[in-house]
Amino acid sequence: MVRRRNNDISTESAVIGLITVYWQAGAVISLLLALATYQTLSWSLVLNEKIEAATHSAFGVLKHIDWLFYLVPGLLGLSALFFVGVTFNTLKKNRVA
C-alpha cells in the first residue's frame, strides 16, 4: 500500500506564507487582531463589572474565576504581537533587497 502525503495546509501557515510575500497583508491582519483585542477587552471589563455587581448566588462561582474573562483578549493580543513581528521582519527583508 502506498501512503498518501498529507497536503493539508493550516490556516496559520497559509497566513504566514502570505505575510512573507506581502507585508501589507500582515499589517492589515495585525490591525484587525488589535481591534478585536480592544473589543474583547472592553467586553470582558463590562462583563466583569456586571458579575461583580450581581448579588445572585449563581454568579458566585464566576466571581472566583474572573481572570478567565481576560483569557480571550490576552490570546488575541499575543497573536497580534506575533503577526506584528512577522510583518516587521518581512518589511525589513523587502526594504534591504
C-alpha atoms as a PDB file:
ATOM      1  CA  MET A   1       0.000   0.000   0.000  1.00  0.00           C
ATOM      2  CA  VAL A   2       1.116   3.489  -0.784  1.00  0.00           C
ATOM      3  CA  ARG A   3       0.854   6.123   1.893  1.00  0.00           C
ATOM      4  CA  ARG A   4      -0.758   9.301   0.795  1.00  0.00           C
ATOM      5  CA  ARG A   5       1.015  12.513   1.640  1.00  0.00           C
ATOM      6  CA  ASN A   6      -0.806  14.973   3.800  1.00  0.00           C
ATOM      7  CA  ASN A   7      -1.424  18.062   1.689  1.00  0.00           C
ATOM      8  CA  ASP A   8      -3.387  19.964   4.316  1.00  0.00           C
ATOM      9  CA  ILE A   9      -2.113  23.460   4.946  1.00  0.00           C
ATOM     10  CA  SER A  10      -3.042  25.006   8.242  1.00  0.00           C
ATOM     11  CA  THR A  11      -4.574  28.452   8.282  1.00  0.00           C
ATOM     12  CA  GLU A  12      -1.709  29.849  10.311  1.00  0.00           C
ATOM     13  CA  SER A  13       0.944  28.633   7.876  1.00  0.00           C
ATOM     14  CA  ALA A  14      -1.062  29.961   4.921  1.00  0.00           C
ATOM     15  CA  VAL A  15      -1.373  33.395   6.544  1.00  0.00           C
ATOM     16  CA  ILE A  16       2.325  33.447   7.447  1.00  0.00           C
ATOM     17  CA  GLY A  17       3.159  32.466   3.867  1.00  0.00           C
ATOM     18  CA  LEU A  18       1.023  35.344   2.628  1.00  0.00           C
ATOM     19  CA  ILE A  19       2.672  37.763   5.048  1.00  0.00           C
ATOM     20  CA  THR A  20       6.169  36.732   3.982  1.00  0.00           C
ATOM     21  CA  VAL A  21       5.271  37.767   0.429  1.00  0.00           C
ATOM     22  CA  TYR A  22       3.116  40.835   1.139  1.00  0.00           C
ATOM     23  CA  TRP A  23       3.917  42.713   4.328  1.00  0.00           C
ATOM     24  CA  GLN A  24       0.827  44.875   3.777  1.00  0.00           C
ATOM     25  CA  ALA A  25      -1.392  41.846   4.405  1.00  0.00           C
ATOM     26  CA  GLY A  26       0.385  41.337   7.714  1.00  0.00           C
ATOM     27  CA  ALA A  27      -0.228  44.956   8.654  1.00  0.00           C
ATOM     28  CA  VAL A  28      -3.946  44.595   7.947  1.00  0.00           C
ATOM     29  CA  ILE A  29      -4.177  41.307   9.862  1.00  0.00           C
ATOM     30  CA  SER A  30      -2.274  42.785  12.799  1.00  0.00           C
ATOM     31  CA  LEU A  31      -4.551  45.814  12.843  1.00  0.00           C
ATOM     32  CA  LEU A  32      -7.669  43.641  12.765  1.00  0.00           C
ATOM     33  CA  LEU A  33      -6.345  41.498  15.602  1.00  0.00           C
ATOM     34  CA  ALA A  34      -5.518  44.612  17.629  1.00  0.00           C
ATOM     35  CA  LEU A  35      -9.056  45.928  17.111  1.00  0.00           C
ATOM     36  CA  ALA A  36     -10.503  42.542  18.086  1.00  0.00           C
ATOM     37  CA  THR A  37      -8.322  42.592  21.208  1.00  0.00           C
ATOM     38  CA  TYR A  38      -9.642  46.019  22.154  1.00  0.00           C
ATOM     39  CA  GLN A  39     -13.262  44.984  21.588  1.00  0.00           C
ATOM     40  CA  THR A  40     -12.990  41.745  23.564  1.00  0.00           C
ATOM     41  CA  LEU A  41     -11.134  43.509  26.375  1.00  0.00           C
ATOM     42  CA  SER A  42     -13.854  46.135  26.706  1.00  0.00           C
ATOM     43  CA  TRP A  43     -16.481  43.362  26.589  1.00  0.00           C
ATOM     44  CA  SER A  44     -14.616  41.498  29.334  1.00  0.00           C
ATOM     45  CA  LEU A  45     -14.442  44.578  31.523  1.00  0.00           C
ATOM     46  CA  VAL A  46     -18.176  45.223  31.186  1.00  0.00           C
ATOM     47  CA  LEU A  47     -18.996  41.573  31.834  1.00  0.00           C
ATOM     48  CA  ASN A  48     -16.755  41.502  34.882  1.00  0.00           C
ATOM     49  CA  GLU A  49     -18.424  44.643  36.282  1.00  0.00           C
ATOM     50  CA  LYS A  50     -21.864  43.088  35.815  1.00  0.00           C
ATOM     51  CA  ILE A  51     -20.828  39.932  37.612  1.00  0.00           C
ATOM     52  CA  GLU A  52     -19.238  41.870  40.474  1.00  0.00           C
ATOM     53  CA  ALA A  53     -22.425  43.910  40.877  1.00  0.00           C
ATOM     54  CA  ALA A  54     -24.717  40.874  40.775  1.00  0.00           C
ATOM     55  CA  THR A  55     -25.975  39.602  44.096  1.00  0.00           C
ATOM     56  CA  HIS A  56     -27.461  36.368  42.807  1.00  0.00           C
ATOM     57  CA  SER A  57     -25.757  33.265  44.192  1.00  0.00           C
ATOM     58  CA  ALA A  58     -25.474  31.666  40.732  1.00  0.00           C
ATOM     59  CA  PHE A  59     -22.774  34.209  39.853  1.00  0.00           C
ATOM     60  CA  GLY A  60     -20.747  33.334  42.937  1.00  0.00           C
ATOM     61  CA  VAL A  61     -18.645  30.827  41.036  1.00  0.00           C
ATOM     62  CA  LEU A  62     -17.898  33.331  38.276  1.00  0.00           C
ATOM     63  CA  LYS A  63     -16.551  35.822  40.815  1.00  0.00           C
ATOM     64  CA  HIS A  64     -13.731  33.405  41.619  1.00  0.00           C
ATOM     65  CA  ILE A  65     -12.712  32.783  38.016  1.00  0.00           C
ATOM     66  CA  ASP A  66     -12.908  36.353  36.755  1.00  0.00           C
ATOM     67  CA  TRP A  67      -9.397  36.015  35.281  1.00  0.00           C
ATOM     68  CA  LEU A  68     -10.947  33.712  32.681  1.00  0.00           C
ATOM     69  CA  PHE A  69     -12.695  36.682  31.059  1.00  0.00           C
ATOM     70  CA  TYR A  70      -9.312  38.128  30.153  1.00  0.00           C
ATOM     71  CA  LEU A  71      -8.028  34.953  28.511  1.00  0.00           C
ATOM     72  CA  VAL A  72      -9.521  35.635  25.055  1.00  0.00           C
ATOM     73  CA  PRO A  73      -8.257  39.243  24.828  1.00  0.00           C
ATOM     74  CA  GLY A  74      -4.858  38.072  26.037  1.00  0.00           C
ATOM     75  CA  LEU A  75      -4.604  35.379  23.382  1.00  0.00           C
ATOM     76  CA  LEU A  76      -5.766  37.772  20.681  1.00  0.00           C
ATOM     77  CA  GLY A  77      -3.209  40.334  21.840  1.00  0.00           C
ATOM     78  CA  LEU A  78      -0.397  37.780  21.780  1.00  0.00           C
ATOM     79  CA  SER A  79      -1.333  36.653  18.284  1.00  0.00           C
ATOM     80  CA  ALA A  80      -1.448  40.311  17.170  1.00  0.00           C
ATOM     81  CA  LEU A  81       2.065  40.808  18.545  1.00  0.00           C
ATOM     82  CA  PHE A  82       3.222  37.655  16.757  1.00  0.00           C
ATOM     83  CA  PHE A  83       1.871  38.882  13.425  1.00  0.00           C
ATOM     84  CA  VAL A  84       3.405  42.314  14.013  1.00  0.00           C
ATOM     85  CA  GLY A  85       6.783  40.612  14.444  1.00  0.00           C
ATOM     86  CA  VAL A  86       6.408  38.542  11.286  1.00  0.00           C
ATOM     87  CA  THR A  87       5.255  41.612   9.368  1.00  0.00           C
ATOM     88  CA  PHE A  88       8.151  43.709  10.617  1.00  0.00           C
ATOM     89  CA  ASN A  89      10.701  41.036   9.662  1.00  0.00           C
ATOM     90  CA  THR A  90       9.179  40.789   6.183  1.00  0.00           C
ATOM     91  CA  LEU A  91       9.250  44.565   5.827  1.00  0.00           C
ATOM     92  CA  LYS A  92      12.932  44.645   6.809  1.00  0.00           C
ATOM     93  CA  LYS A  93      13.770  41.937   4.249  1.00  0.00           C
ATOM     94  CA  ASN A  94      11.876  43.748   1.491  1.00  0.00           C
ATOM     95  CA  ARG A  95      13.477  47.121   2.268  1.00  0.00           C
ATOM     96  CA  VAL A  96      17.036  45.740   2.246  1.00  0.00           C
ATOM     97  CA  ALA A  97      16.668  43.933  -1.077  1.00  0.00           C
END
